[in-house]
Structures are given as structure tokens and as C-alpha cells.
Amino acid sequence: MDFKNNKPIFLQIAEHICYEILGGTYPEGERLPSVREYAAEVEVNANTVARSYEWLSQRGIIESKRGMGYFVSQGAKESIRTSLCETFFQETLPDVVAQMQKLGIKVNEVVQHITELCHE
């Protein structure tokens, strides 16, 4: 995993796990790798992954089953999708629109490019 400097590593790992859940790598009800296994996979300290798992657990994305490990919660995909869409519309899109305005890019130009990208 390539980490960025603008966000804590544990949050980047949590976000990566969310995308893995959305992509079907970890279906709802399935067990996640242990903290140590995942830490070895992404090459970070196990405490960092434990913090990611705890953050996801607090948000109901995953749940701990005593003695068995962490599992993807039922409804996690929809919860993640809703949260990421909200972030996109509240944070990402306003930044994109501001950049478009600075560059003089028209909405129809963006629509054209998006349409082309979606059909590739």
C-alpha cells in the first residue's frame, strides 16, 4: 500500500478496507484477516491496523467476535457507500467545481469527458 502524508495511516488503511468491502474482497459476514496478518500484508505495525479495526468497529462497519476475530457487519456495504457518497458530494465535488471555475472549464466539457471515461 502506498501511503499519503495528508492523512493518518490508520485512516488510510480503514478506507482501503472499506473499498475492499465494497469491491467484494471481504463480503458481509466474512472474517477479516487477523490484525497481525493484515499488518504484514500492508507492511505496517500491528498497532496501526488494530487502530483501523477499532475505528471501523466504532462505525459499525466491522464487528469483533470474541475469540474469533473481526467480521464484516451486515449492511456494511450500504453504510460505506452512503458515507463515501456523502463525502464526495460535500467535500470532493465542491473542490472539483472550484477548480473548474478557476480553469474556465464548462460543465458540458466535464460531462463529455465523464461520458467518454464511463464507456472505456
PDB file of N, CA and C in Angstrom:
ATOM      1  N   MET A   1       0.840  -1.178   0.000  1.00  0.00           N
ATOM      2  CA  MET A   1       0.000   0.000   0.000  1.00  0.00           C
ATOM      3  C   MET A   1       0.881   1.235   0.000  1.00  0.00           C
ATOM      4  N   ASP A   2       0.538   2.205  -0.812  1.00  0.00           N
ATOM      5  CA  ASP A   2       1.257   3.479  -0.827  1.00  0.00           C
ATOM      6  C   ASP A   2       0.500   4.472   0.039  1.00  0.00           C
ATOM      7  N   PHE A   3       1.171   4.972   1.058  1.00  0.00           N
ATOM      8  CA  PHE A   3       0.520   5.892   1.985  1.00  0.00           C
ATOM      9  C   PHE A   3       0.809   7.335   1.620  1.00  0.00           C
ATOM     10  N   LYS A   4      -0.167   8.194   1.824  1.00  0.00           N
ATOM     11  CA  LYS A   4      -0.044   9.627   1.582  1.00  0.00           C
ATOM     12  C   LYS A   4       0.275  10.319   2.902  1.00  0.00           C
ATOM     13  N   ASN A   5       0.879  11.484   2.825  1.00  0.00           N
ATOM     14  CA  ASN A   5       1.237  12.232   4.032  1.00  0.00           C
ATOM     15  C   ASN A   5       0.097  13.072   4.587  1.00  0.00           C
ATOM     16  N   ASN A   6      -0.982  13.250   3.815  1.00  0.00           N
ATOM     17  CA  ASN A   6      -2.038  14.179   4.218  1.00  0.00           C
ATOM     18  C   ASN A   6      -3.092  13.564   5.134  1.00  0.00           C
ATOM     19  N   LYS A   7      -2.976  12.269   5.463  1.00  0.00           N
ATOM     20  CA  LYS A   7      -3.984  11.599   6.275  1.00  0.00           C
ATOM     21  C   LYS A   7      -3.297  10.537   7.129  1.00  0.00           C
ATOM     22  N   PRO A   8      -3.739  10.372   8.381  1.00  0.00           N
ATOM     23  CA  PRO A   8      -3.125   9.341   9.222  1.00  0.00           C
ATOM     24  C   PRO A   8      -3.185   7.956   8.565  1.00  0.00           C
ATOM     25  N   ILE A   9      -2.137   7.166   8.765  1.00  0.00           N
ATOM     26  CA  ILE A   9      -2.051   5.852   8.131  1.00  0.00           C
ATOM     27  C   ILE A   9      -3.212   4.957   8.546  1.00  0.00           C
ATOM     28  N   PHE A  10      -3.611   4.991   9.823  1.00  0.00           N
ATOM     29  CA  PHE A  10      -4.702   4.115  10.250  1.00  0.00           C
ATOM     30  C   PHE A  10      -5.990   4.438   9.501  1.00  0.00           C
ATOM     31  N   LEU A  11      -6.224   5.711   9.175  1.00  0.00           N
ATOM     32  CA  LEU A  11      -7.417   6.077   8.407  1.00  0.00           C
ATOM     33  C   LEU A  11      -7.298   5.632   6.952  1.00  0.00           C
ATOM     34  N   GLN A  12      -6.098   5.708   6.399  1.00  0.00           N
ATOM     35  CA  GLN A  12      -5.887   5.232   5.031  1.00  0.00           C
ATOM     36  C   GLN A  12      -6.126   3.727   4.942  1.00  0.00           C
ATOM     37  N   ILE A  13      -5.704   2.998   5.962  1.00  0.00           N
ATOM     38  CA  ILE A  13      -5.936   1.550   5.998  1.00  0.00           C
ATOM     39  C   ILE A  13      -7.426   1.269   6.132  1.00  0.00           C
ATOM     40  N   ALA A  14      -8.097   2.005   7.024  1.00  0.00           N
ATOM     41  CA  ALA A  14      -9.535   1.817   7.205  1.00  0.00           C
ATOM     42  C   ALA A  14     -10.286   2.091   5.902  1.00  0.00           C
ATOM     43  N   GLU A  15      -9.892   3.149   5.202  1.00  0.00           N
ATOM     44  CA  GLU A  15     -10.523   3.484   3.926  1.00  0.00           C
ATOM     45  C   GLU A  15     -10.263   2.385   2.890  1.00  0.00           C
ATOM     46  N   HIS A  16      -9.048   1.862   2.884  1.00  0.00           N
ATOM     47  CA  HIS A  16      -8.693   0.778   1.962  1.00  0.00           C
ATOM     48  C   HIS A  16      -9.563  -0.454   2.238  1.00  0.00           C
ATOM     49  N   ILE A  17      -9.749  -0.772   3.502  1.00  0.00           N
ATOM     50  CA  ILE A  17     -10.593  -1.908   3.872  1.00  0.00           C
ATOM     51  C   ILE A  17     -12.032  -1.661   3.414  1.00  0.00           C
ATOM     52  N   CYS A  18     -12.498  -0.434   3.563  1.00  0.00           N
ATOM     53  CA  CYS A  18     -13.850  -0.095   3.090  1.00  0.00           C
ATOM     54  C   CYS A  18     -13.977  -0.349   1.593  1.00  0.00           C
ATOM     55  N   TYR A  19     -12.988   0.053   0.829  1.00  0.00           N
ATOM     56  CA  TYR A  19     -13.024  -0.191  -0.615  1.00  0.00           C
ATOM     57  C   TYR A  19     -12.931  -1.686  -0.926  1.00  0.00           C
ATOM     58  N   GLU A  20     -12.191  -2.428  -0.107  1.00  0.00           N
ATOM     59  CA  GLU A  20     -12.137  -3.882  -0.293  1.00  0.00           C
ATOM     60  C   GLU A  20     -13.493  -4.516   0.005  1.00  0.00           C
ATOM     61  N   ILE A  21     -14.197  -4.003   1.001  1.00  0.00           N
ATOM     62  CA  ILE A  21     -15.541  -4.488   1.304  1.00  0.00           C
ATOM     63  C   ILE A  21     -16.476  -4.170   0.141  1.00  0.00           C
ATOM     64  N   LEU A  22     -16.420  -2.930  -0.349  1.00  0.00           N
ATOM     65  CA  LEU A  22     -17.262  -2.543  -1.485  1.00  0.00           C
ATOM     66  C   LEU A  22     -16.969  -3.402  -2.716  1.00  0.00           C
ATOM     67  N   GLY A  23     -15.715  -3.719  -2.927  1.00  0.00           N
ATOM     68  CA  GLY A  23     -15.310  -4.495  -4.095  1.00  0.00           C
ATOM     69  C   GLY A  23     -15.535  -5.992  -3.967  1.00  0.00           C
ATOM     70  N   GLY A  24     -15.962  -6.433  -2.792  1.00  0.00           N
ATOM     71  CA  GLY A  24     -16.266  -7.847  -2.612  1.00  0.00           C
ATOM     72  C   GLY A  24     -15.116  -8.697  -2.097  1.00  0.00           C
ATOM     73  N   THR A  25     -13.973  -8.092  -1.812  1.00  0.00           N
ATOM     74  CA  THR A  25     -12.859  -8.852  -1.251  1.00  0.00           C
ATOM     75  C   THR A  25     -13.260  -9.446   0.095  1.00  0.00           C
ATOM     76  N   TYR A  26     -13.975  -8.659   0.870  1.00  0.00           N
ATOM     77  CA  TYR A  26     -14.473  -9.102   2.174  1.00  0.00           C
ATOM     78  C   TYR A  26     -15.993  -8.924   2.200  1.00  0.00           C
ATOM     79  N   PRO A  27     -16.746  -9.955   1.855  1.00  0.00           N
ATOM     80  CA  PRO A  27     -18.213  -9.851   1.861  1.00  0.00           C
ATOM     81  C   PRO A  27     -18.768  -9.713   3.281  1.00  0.00           C
ATOM     82  N   GLU A  28     -19.980  -9.198   3.356  1.00  0.00           N
ATOM     83  CA  GLU A  28     -20.645  -9.067   4.652  1.00  0.00           C
ATOM     84  C   GLU A  28     -20.755 -10.442   5.311  1.00  0.00           C
ATOM     85  N   GLY A  29     -20.439 -10.469   6.594  1.00  0.00           N
ATOM     86  CA  GLY A  29     -20.481 -11.711   7.352  1.00  0.00           C
ATOM     87  C   GLY A  29     -19.183 -12.495   7.331  1.00  0.00           C
ATOM     88  N   GLU A  30     -18.263 -12.114   6.458  1.00  0.00           N
ATOM     89  CA  GLU A  30     -16.988 -12.831   6.339  1.00  0.00           C
ATOM     90  C   GLU A  30     -15.966 -12.293   7.339  1.00  0.00           C
ATOM     91  N   ARG A  31     -15.050 -13.170   7.707  1.00  0.00           N
ATOM     92  CA  ARG A  31     -13.978 -12.810   8.636  1.00  0.00           C
ATOM     93  C   ARG A  31     -12.894 -12.025   7.894  1.00  0.00           C
ATOM     94  N   LEU A  32     -12.398 -10.991   8.563  1.00  0.00           N
ATOM     95  CA  LEU A  32     -11.245 -10.233   8.060  1.00  0.00           C
ATOM     96  C   LEU A  32      -9.967 -10.953   8.494  1.00  0.00           C
ATOM     97  N   PRO A  33      -8.864 -10.684   7.825  1.00  0.00           N
ATOM     98  CA  PRO A  33      -7.591 -11.222   8.321  1.00  0.00           C
ATOM     99  C   PRO A  33      -7.345 -10.718   9.749  1.00  0.00           C
ATOM    100  N   SER A  34      -6.585 -11.470  10.511  1.00  0.00           N
ATOM    101  CA  SER A  34      -6.252 -11.010  11.862  1.00  0.00           C
ATOM    102  C   SER A  34      -5.471  -9.708  11.757  1.00  0.00           C
ATOM    103  N   VAL A  35      -5.394  -8.998  12.859  1.00  0.00           N
ATOM    104  CA  VAL A  35      -4.644  -7.742  12.893  1.00  0.00           C
ATOM    105  C   VAL A  35      -3.213  -7.983  12.432  1.00  0.00           C
ATOM    106  N   ARG A  36      -2.592  -9.028  12.939  1.00  0.00           N
ATOM    107  CA  ARG A  36      -1.195  -9.328  12.567  1.00  0.00           C
ATOM    108  C   ARG A  36      -1.073  -9.691  11.089  1.00  0.00           C
ATOM    109  N   GLU A  37      -2.022 -10.483  10.575  1.00  0.00           N
ATOM    110  CA  GLU A  37      -1.991 -10.866   9.155  1.00  0.00           C
ATOM    111  C   GLU A  37      -2.114  -9.634   8.261  1.00  0.00           C
ATOM    112  N   TYR A  38      -3.075  -8.773   8.602  1.00  0.00           N
ATOM    113  CA  TYR A  38      -3.286  -7.590   7.766  1.00  0.00           C
ATOM    114  C   TYR A  38      -2.096  -6.635   7.867  1.00  0.00           C
ATOM    115  N   ALA A  39      -1.534  -6.521   9.070  1.00  0.00           N
ATOM    116  CA  ALA A  39      -0.358  -5.661   9.252  1.00  0.00           C
ATOM    117  C   ALA A  39       0.802  -6.142   8.385  1.00  0.00           C
ATOM    118  N   ALA A  40       0.998  -7.446   8.334  1.00  0.00           N
ATOM    119  CA  ALA A  40       2.068  -7.999   7.494  1.00  0.00           C
ATOM    120  C   ALA A  40       1.767  -7.743   6.018  1.00  0.00           C
ATOM    121  N   GLU A  41       0.511  -7.864   5.642  1.00  0.00           N
ATOM    122  CA  GLU A  41       0.105  -7.656   4.248  1.00  0.00           C
ATOM    123  C   GLU A  41       0.372  -6.229   3.774  1.00  0.00           C
ATOM    124  N   VAL A  42       0.049  -5.241   4.624  1.00  0.00           N
ATOM    125  CA  VAL A  42       0.220  -3.838   4.220  1.00  0.00           C
ATOM    126  C   VAL A  42       1.515  -3.230   4.752  1.00  0.00           C
ATOM    127  N   GLU A  43       2.299  -4.046   5.438  1.00  0.00           N
ATOM    128  CA  GLU A  43       3.628  -3.675   5.925  1.00  0.00           C
ATOM    129  C   GLU A  43       3.611  -2.483   6.878  1.00  0.00           C
ATOM    130  N   VAL A  44       2.770  -2.600   7.914  1.00  0.00           N
ATOM    131  CA  VAL A  44       2.731  -1.593   8.974  1.00  0.00           C
ATOM    132  C   VAL A  44       2.732  -2.306  10.321  1.00  0.00           C
ATOM    133  N   ASN A  45       2.886  -1.536  11.367  1.00  0.00           N
ATOM    134  CA  ASN A  45       2.838  -2.051  12.726  1.00  0.00           C
ATOM    135  C   ASN A  45       1.437  -2.582  13.024  1.00  0.00           C
ATOM    136  N   ALA A  46       1.358  -3.686  13.751  1.00  0.00           N
ATOM    137  CA  ALA A  46       0.063  -4.287  14.103  1.00  0.00           C
ATOM    138  C   ALA A  46      -0.809  -3.308  14.895  1.00  0.00           C
ATOM    139  N   ASN A  47      -0.201  -2.440  15.691  1.00  0.00           N
ATOM    140  CA  ASN A  47      -0.986  -1.466  16.459  1.00  0.00           C
ATOM    141  C   ASN A  47      -1.735  -0.502  15.533  1.00  0.00           C
ATOM    142  N   THR A  48      -1.151  -0.191  14.390  1.00  0.00           N
ATOM    143  CA  THR A  48      -1.797   0.701  13.425  1.00  0.00           C
ATOM    144  C   THR A  48      -3.040   0.031  12.848  1.00  0.00           C
ATOM    145  N   VAL A  49      -2.929  -1.247  12.499  1.00  0.00           N
ATOM    146  CA  VAL A  49      -4.083  -1.989  11.977  1.00  0.00           C
ATOM    147  C   VAL A  49      -5.133  -2.147  13.070  1.00  0.00           C
ATOM    148  N   ALA A  50      -4.696  -2.409  14.295  1.00  0.00           N
ATOM    149  CA  ALA A  50      -5.648  -2.532  15.408  1.00  0.00           C
ATOM    150  C   ALA A  50      -6.442  -1.241  15.563  1.00  0.00           C
ATOM    151  N   ARG A  51      -5.780  -0.122  15.395  1.00  0.00           N
ATOM    152  CA  ARG A  51      -6.467   1.176  15.475  1.00  0.00           C
ATOM    153  C   ARG A  51      -7.464   1.325  14.316  1.00  0.00           C
ATOM    154  N   SER A  52      -7.095   0.866  13.125  1.00  0.00           N
ATOM    155  CA  SER A  52      -8.005   0.901  11.970  1.00  0.00           C
ATOM    156  C   SER A  52      -9.226   0.035  12.230  1.00  0.00           C
ATOM    157  N   TYR A  53      -9.001  -1.174  12.734  1.00  0.00           N
ATOM    158  CA  TYR A  53     -10.112  -2.086  13.019  1.00  0.00           C
ATOM    159  C   TYR A  53     -11.031  -1.492  14.079  1.00  0.00           C
ATOM    160  N   GLU A  54     -10.445  -0.874  15.088  1.00  0.00           N
ATOM    161  CA  GLU A  54     -11.262  -0.255  16.142  1.00  0.00           C
ATOM    162  C   GLU A  54     -12.091   0.890  15.570  1.00  0.00           C
ATOM    163  N   TRP A  55     -11.502   1.699  14.716  1.00  0.00           N
ATOM    164  CA  TRP A  55     -12.211   2.814  14.081  1.00  0.00           C
ATOM    165  C   TRP A  55     -13.378   2.283  13.258  1.00  0.00           C
ATOM    166  N   LEU A  56     -13.145   1.234  12.469  1.00  0.00           N
ATOM    167  CA  LEU A  56     -14.204   0.625  11.658  1.00  0.00           C
ATOM    168  C   LEU A  56     -15.276  -0.008  12.545  1.00  0.00           C
ATOM    169  N   SER A  57     -14.856  -0.599  13.631  1.00  0.00           N
ATOM    170  CA  SER A  57     -15.796  -1.225  14.569  1.00  0.00           C
ATOM    171  C   SER A  57     -16.705  -0.183  15.216  1.00  0.00           C
ATOM    172  N   GLN A  58     -16.132   0.946  15.601  1.00  0.00           N
ATOM    173  CA  GLN A  58     -16.917   2.020  16.215  1.00  0.00           C
ATOM    174  C   GLN A  58     -17.981   2.561  15.259  1.00  0.00           C
ATOM    175  N   ARG A  59     -17.747   2.424  13.969  1.00  0.00           N
ATOM    176  CA  ARG A  59     -18.685   2.913  12.957  1.00  0.00           C
ATOM    177  C   ARG A  59     -19.630   1.822  12.454  1.00  0.00           C
ATOM    178  N   GLY A  60     -19.530   0.639  13.030  1.00  0.00           N
ATOM    179  CA  GLY A  60     -20.424  -0.449  12.672  1.00  0.00           C
ATOM    180  C   GLY A  60     -20.106  -1.129  11.357  1.00  0.00           C
ATOM    181  N   ILE A  61     -18.934  -0.880  10.816  1.00  0.00           N
ATOM    182  CA  ILE A  61     -18.532  -1.476   9.538  1.00  0.00           C
ATOM    183  C   ILE A  61     -18.083  -2.923   9.757  1.00  0.00           C
ATOM    184  N   ILE A  62     -17.352  -3.134  10.842  1.00  0.00           N
ATOM    185  CA  ILE A  62     -16.920  -4.479  11.209  1.00  0.00           C
ATOM    186  C   ILE A  62     -17.297  -4.711  12.664  1.00  0.00           C
ATOM    187  N   GLU A  63     -17.276  -5.974  13.057  1.00  0.00           N
ATOM    188  CA  GLU A  63     -17.585  -6.300  14.451  1.00  0.00           C
ATOM    189  C   GLU A  63     -16.637  -7.379  14.940  1.00  0.00           C
ATOM    190  N   SER A  64     -16.312  -7.293  16.204  1.00  0.00           N
ATOM    191  CA  SER A  64     -15.422  -8.259  16.819  1.00  0.00           C
ATOM    192  C   SER A  64     -16.253  -9.371  17.433  1.00  0.00           C
ATOM    193  N   LYS A  65     -15.852 -10.600  17.165  1.00  0.00           N
ATOM    194  CA  LYS A  65     -16.480 -11.759  17.801  1.00  0.00           C
ATOM    195  C   LYS A  65     -15.407 -12.388  18.670  1.00  0.00           C
ATOM    196  N   ARG A  66     -15.647 -12.345  19.960  1.00  0.00           N
ATOM    197  CA  ARG A  66     -14.654 -12.779  20.943  1.00  0.00           C
ATOM    198  C   ARG A  66     -14.073 -14.149  20.591  1.00  0.00           C
ATOM    199  N   GLY A  67     -12.756 -14.170  20.509  1.00  0.00           N
ATOM    200  CA  GLY A  67     -12.044 -15.407  20.237  1.00  0.00           C
ATOM    201  C   GLY A  67     -12.053 -15.835  18.777  1.00  0.00           C
ATOM    202  N   MET A  68     -12.781 -15.107  17.934  1.00  0.00           N
ATOM    203  CA  MET A  68     -12.878 -15.495  16.528  1.00  0.00           C
ATOM    204  C   MET A  68     -12.282 -14.465  15.582  1.00  0.00           C
ATOM    205  N   GLY A  69     -12.230 -13.209  16.001  1.00  0.00           N
ATOM    206  CA  GLY A  69     -11.669 -12.165  15.165  1.00  0.00           C
ATOM    207  C   GLY A  69     -12.697 -11.129  14.754  1.00  0.00           C
ATOM    208  N   TYR A  70     -12.369 -10.399  13.707  1.00  0.00           N
ATOM    209  CA  TYR A  70     -13.248  -9.343  13.196  1.00  0.00           C
ATOM    210  C   TYR A  70     -13.965  -9.823  11.944  1.00  0.00           C
ATOM    211  N   PHE A  71     -15.241  -9.436  11.844  1.00  0.00           N
ATOM    212  CA  PHE A  71     -16.090  -9.814  10.728  1.00  0.00           C
ATOM    213  C   PHE A  71     -16.753  -8.577  10.139  1.00  0.00           C
ATOM    214  N   VAL A  72     -17.028  -8.632   8.837  1.00  0.00           N
ATOM    215  CA  VAL A  72     -17.722  -7.529   8.177  1.00  0.00           C
ATOM    216  C   VAL A  72     -19.185  -7.567   8.629  1.00  0.00           C
ATOM    217  N   SER A  73     -19.674  -6.447   9.101  1.00  0.00           N
ATOM    218  CA  SER A  73     -21.044  -6.343   9.595  1.00  0.00           C
ATOM    219  C   SER A  73     -22.049  -6.422   8.454  1.00  0.00           C
ATOM    220  N   GLN A  74     -23.233  -6.913   8.779  1.00  0.00           N
ATOM    221  CA  GLN A  74     -24.331  -6.893   7.818  1.00  0.00           C
ATOM    222  C   GLN A  74     -24.703  -5.429   7.572  1.00  0.00           C
ATOM    223  N   GLY A  75     -24.912  -5.070   6.325  1.00  0.00           N
ATOM    224  CA  GLY A  75     -25.242  -3.692   5.977  1.00  0.00           C
ATOM    225  C   GLY A  75     -24.037  -2.792   5.815  1.00  0.00           C
ATOM    226  N   ALA A  76     -22.831  -3.363   5.950  1.00  0.00           N
ATOM    227  CA  ALA A  76     -21.604  -2.551   5.861  1.00  0.00           C
ATOM    228  C   ALA A  76     -21.453  -1.908   4.488  1.00  0.00           C
ATOM    229  N   LYS A  77     -21.738  -2.655   3.425  1.00  0.00           N
ATOM    230  CA  LYS A  77     -21.560  -2.105   2.075  1.00  0.00           C
ATOM    231  C   LYS A  77     -22.405  -0.857   1.872  1.00  0.00           C
ATOM    232  N   GLU A  78     -23.654  -0.918   2.252  1.00  0.00           N
ATOM    233  CA  GLU A  78     -24.542   0.231   2.060  1.00  0.00           C
ATOM    234  C   GLU A  78     -24.113   1.394   2.946  1.00  0.00           C
ATOM    235  N   SER A  79     -23.690   1.098   4.155  1.00  0.00           N
ATOM    236  CA  SER A  79     -23.219   2.138   5.068  1.00  0.00           C
ATOM    237  C   SER A  79     -21.981   2.836   4.501  1.00  0.00           C
ATOM    238  N   ILE A  80     -21.049   2.055   3.975  1.00  0.00           N
ATOM    239  CA  ILE A  80     -19.836   2.616   3.378  1.00  0.00           C
ATOM    240  C   ILE A  80     -20.197   3.457   2.165  1.00  0.00           C
ATOM    241  N   ARG A  81     -21.032   2.898   1.285  1.00  0.00           N
ATOM    242  CA  ARG A  81     -21.426   3.608   0.075  1.00  0.00           C
ATOM    243  C   ARG A  81     -22.089   4.935   0.411  1.00  0.00           C
ATOM    244  N   THR A  82     -22.989   4.930   1.362  1.00  0.00           N
ATOM    245  CA  THR A  82     -23.675   6.152   1.776  1.00  0.00           C
ATOM    246  C   THR A  82     -22.683   7.178   2.308  1.00  0.00           C
ATOM    247  N   SER A  83     -21.775   6.730   3.150  1.00  0.00           N
ATOM    248  CA  SER A  83     -20.779   7.630   3.737  1.00  0.00           C
ATOM    249  C   SER A  83     -19.846   8.210   2.675  1.00  0.00           C
ATOM    250  N   LEU A  84     -19.372   7.366   1.765  1.00  0.00           N
ATOM    251  CA  LEU A  84     -18.459   7.836   0.727  1.00  0.00           C
ATOM    252  C   LEU A  84     -19.153   8.771  -0.262  1.00  0.00           C
ATOM    253  N   CYS A  85     -20.416   8.493  -0.571  1.00  0.00           N
ATOM    254  CA  CYS A  85     -21.173   9.394  -1.452  1.00  0.00           C
ATOM    255  C   CYS A  85     -21.354  10.753  -0.782  1.00  0.00           C
ATOM    256  N   GLU A  86     -21.668  10.740   0.493  1.00  0.00           N
ATOM    257  CA  GLU A  86     -21.835  11.987   1.240  1.00  0.00           C
ATOM    258  C   GLU A  86     -20.535  12.793   1.223  1.00  0.00           C
ATOM    259  N   THR A  87     -19.417  12.126   1.466  1.00  0.00           N
ATOM    260  CA  THR A  87     -18.117  12.792   1.428  1.00  0.00           C
ATOM    261  C   THR A  87     -17.839  13.352   0.040  1.00  0.00           C
ATOM    262  N   PHE A  88     -18.152  12.570  -1.004  1.00  0.00           N
ATOM    263  CA  PHE A  88     -17.931  13.026  -2.368  1.00  0.00           C
ATOM    264  C   PHE A  88     -18.712  14.304  -2.643  1.00  0.00           C
ATOM    265  N   PHE A  89     -19.999  14.303  -2.309  1.00  0.00           N
ATOM    266  CA  PHE A  89     -20.832  15.462  -2.623  1.00  0.00           C
ATOM    267  C   PHE A  89     -20.556  16.669  -1.730  1.00  0.00           C
ATOM    268  N   GLN A  90     -20.092  16.447  -0.502  1.00  0.00           N
ATOM    269  CA  GLN A  90     -19.850  17.563   0.410  1.00  0.00           C
ATOM    270  C   GLN A  90     -18.422  18.093   0.357  1.00  0.00           C
ATOM    271  N   GLU A  91     -17.473  17.237   0.009  1.00  0.00           N
ATOM    272  CA  GLU A  91     -16.069  17.653   0.050  1.00  0.00           C
ATOM    273  C   GLU A  91     -15.392  17.632  -1.319  1.00  0.00           C
ATOM    274  N   THR A  92     -15.465  16.514  -2.000  1.00  0.00           N
ATOM    275  CA  THR A  92     -14.751  16.357  -3.265  1.00  0.00           C
ATOM    276  C   THR A  92     -15.342  17.214  -4.373  1.00  0.00           C
ATOM    277  N   LEU A  93     -16.645  17.101  -4.581  1.00  0.00           N
ATOM    278  CA  LEU A  93     -17.282  17.822  -5.685  1.00  0.00           C
ATOM    279  C   LEU A  93     -17.122  19.334  -5.579  1.00  0.00           C
ATOM    280  N   PRO A  94     -17.304  19.945  -4.405  1.00  0.00           N
ATOM    281  CA  PRO A  94     -17.068  21.395  -4.327  1.00  0.00           C
ATOM    282  C   PRO A  94     -15.637  21.786  -4.723  1.00  0.00           C
ATOM    283  N   ASP A  95     -14.663  20.942  -4.380  1.00  0.00           N
ATOM    284  CA  ASP A  95     -13.273  21.215  -4.795  1.00  0.00           C
ATOM    285  C   ASP A  95     -13.131  21.122  -6.308  1.00  0.00           C
ATOM    286  N   VAL A  96     -13.781  20.132  -6.906  1.00  0.00           N
ATOM    287  CA  VAL A  96     -13.736  19.974  -8.363  1.00  0.00           C
ATOM    288  C   VAL A  96     -14.372  21.181  -9.051  1.00  0.00           C
ATOM    289  N   VAL A  97     -15.533  21.606  -8.550  1.00  0.00           N
ATOM    290  CA  VAL A  97     -16.227  22.758  -9.141  1.00  0.00           C
ATOM    291  C   VAL A  97     -15.370  24.019  -9.008  1.00  0.00           C
ATOM    292  N   ALA A  98     -14.744  24.206  -7.863  1.00  0.00           N
ATOM    293  CA  ALA A  98     -13.872  25.367  -7.672  1.00  0.00           C
ATOM    294  C   ALA A  98     -12.709  25.337  -8.663  1.00  0.00           C
ATOM    295  N   GLN A  99     -12.135  24.160  -8.862  1.00  0.00           N
ATOM    296  CA  GLN A  99     -11.032  24.014  -9.824  1.00  0.00           C
ATOM    297  C   GLN A  99     -11.527  24.294 -11.247  1.00  0.00           C
ATOM    298  N   MET A 100     -12.716  23.798 -11.583  1.00  0.00           N
ATOM    299  CA  MET A 100     -13.296  24.054 -12.902  1.00  0.00           C
ATOM    300  C   MET A 100     -13.460  25.550 -13.135  1.00  0.00           C
ATOM    301  N   GLN A 101     -13.962  26.244 -12.122  1.00  0.00           N
ATOM    302  CA  GLN A 101     -14.184  27.685 -12.246  1.00  0.00           C
ATOM    303  C   GLN A 101     -12.861  28.419 -12.448  1.00  0.00           C
ATOM    304  N   LYS A 102     -11.833  28.027 -11.727  1.00  0.00           N
ATOM    305  CA  LYS A 102     -10.517  28.662 -11.866  1.00  0.00           C
ATOM    306  C   LYS A 102      -9.940  28.460 -13.264  1.00  0.00           C
ATOM    307  N   LEU A 103     -10.210  27.277 -13.829  1.00  0.00           N
ATOM    308  CA  LEU A 103      -9.658  26.934 -15.138  1.00  0.00           C
ATOM    309  C   LEU A 103     -10.583  27.293 -16.296  1.00  0.00           C
ATOM    310  N   GLY A 104     -11.775  27.748 -15.975  1.00  0.00           N
ATOM    311  CA  GLY A 104     -12.727  28.109 -17.020  1.00  0.00           C
ATOM    312  C   GLY A 104     -13.310  26.907 -17.747  1.00  0.00           C
ATOM    313  N   ILE A 105     -13.373  25.783 -17.069  1.00  0.00           N
ATOM    314  CA  ILE A 105     -13.924  24.564 -17.670  1.00  0.00           C
ATOM    315  C   ILE A 105     -15.442  24.583 -17.516  1.00  0.00           C
ATOM    316  N   LYS A 106     -16.134  24.331 -18.592  1.00  0.00           N
ATOM    317  CA  LYS A 106     -17.601  24.332 -18.609  1.00  0.00           C
ATOM    318  C   LYS A 106     -18.129  22.948 -18.205  1.00  0.00           C
ATOM    319  N   VAL A 107     -19.319  22.926 -17.628  1.00  0.00           N
ATOM    320  CA  VAL A 107     -19.944  21.685 -17.173  1.00  0.00           C
ATOM    321  C   VAL A 107     -20.091  20.696 -18.324  1.00  0.00           C
ATOM    322  N   ASN A 108     -20.501  21.191 -19.510  1.00  0.00           N
ATOM    323  CA  ASN A 108     -20.697  20.270 -20.632  1.00  0.00           C
ATOM    324  C   ASN A 108     -19.390  19.599 -21.059  1.00  0.00           C
ATOM    325  N   GLU A 109     -18.249  20.276 -20.870  1.00  0.00           N
ATOM    326  CA  GLU A 109     -16.951  19.665 -21.173  1.00  0.00           C
ATOM    327  C   GLU A 109     -16.680  18.506 -20.217  1.00  0.00           C
ATOM    328  N   VAL A 110     -16.990  18.718 -18.953  1.00  0.00           N
ATOM    329  CA  VAL A 110     -16.780  17.678 -17.947  1.00  0.00           C
ATOM    330  C   VAL A 110     -17.695  16.496 -18.228  1.00  0.00           C
ATOM    331  N   VAL A 111     -18.949  16.775 -18.545  1.00  0.00           N
ATOM    332  CA  VAL A 111     -19.905  15.704 -18.852  1.00  0.00           C
ATOM    333  C   VAL A 111     -19.405  14.872 -20.028  1.00  0.00           C
ATOM    334  N   GLN A 112     -18.888  15.537 -21.041  1.00  0.00           N
ATOM    335  CA  GLN A 112     -18.355  14.833 -22.209  1.00  0.00           C
ATOM    336  C   GLN A 112     -17.211  13.902 -21.815  1.00  0.00           C
ATOM    337  N   HIS A 113     -16.295  14.401 -21.007  1.00  0.00           N
ATOM    338  CA  HIS A 113     -15.152  13.585 -20.587  1.00  0.00           C
ATOM    339  C   HIS A 113     -15.591  12.436 -19.687  1.00  0.00           C
ATOM    340  N   ILE A 114     -16.518  12.695 -18.802  1.00  0.00           N
ATOM    341  CA  ILE A 114     -17.023  11.635 -17.921  1.00  0.00           C
ATOM    342  C   ILE A 114     -17.707  10.557 -18.763  1.00  0.00           C
ATOM    343  N   THR A 115     -18.499  10.972 -19.725  1.00  0.00           N
ATOM    344  CA  THR A 115     -19.183  10.015 -20.593  1.00  0.00           C
ATOM    345  C   THR A 115     -18.167   9.150 -21.330  1.00  0.00           C
ATOM    346  N   GLU A 116     -17.111   9.770 -21.842  1.00  0.00           N
ATOM    347  CA  GLU A 116     -16.073   9.012 -22.542  1.00  0.00           C
ATOM    348  C   GLU A 116     -15.373   8.022 -21.598  1.00  0.00           C
ATOM    349  N   LEU A 117     -15.068   8.474 -20.391  1.00  0.00           N
ATOM    350  CA  LEU A 117     -14.406   7.603 -19.422  1.00  0.00           C
ATOM    351  C   LEU A 117     -15.281   6.423 -19.011  1.00  0.00           C
ATOM    352  N   CYS A 118     -16.576   6.663 -18.901  1.00  0.00           N
ATOM    353  CA  CYS A 118     -17.503   5.613 -18.478  1.00  0.00           C
ATOM    354  C   CYS A 118     -17.699   4.556 -19.554  1.00  0.00           C
ATOM    355  N   HIS A 119     -17.402   4.897 -20.793  1.00  0.00           N
ATOM    356  CA  HIS A 119     -17.602   3.948 -21.890  1.00  0.00           C
ATOM    357  C   HIS A 119     -16.320   3.259 -22.307  1.00  0.00           C
ATOM    358  N   GLU A 120     -15.241   3.520 -21.597  1.00  0.00           N
ATOM    359  CA  GLU A 120     -13.964   2.873 -21.931  1.00  0.00           C
ATOM    360  C   GLU A 120     -13.900   1.493 -21.336  1.00  0.00           C
TER     361      GLU A 120
END
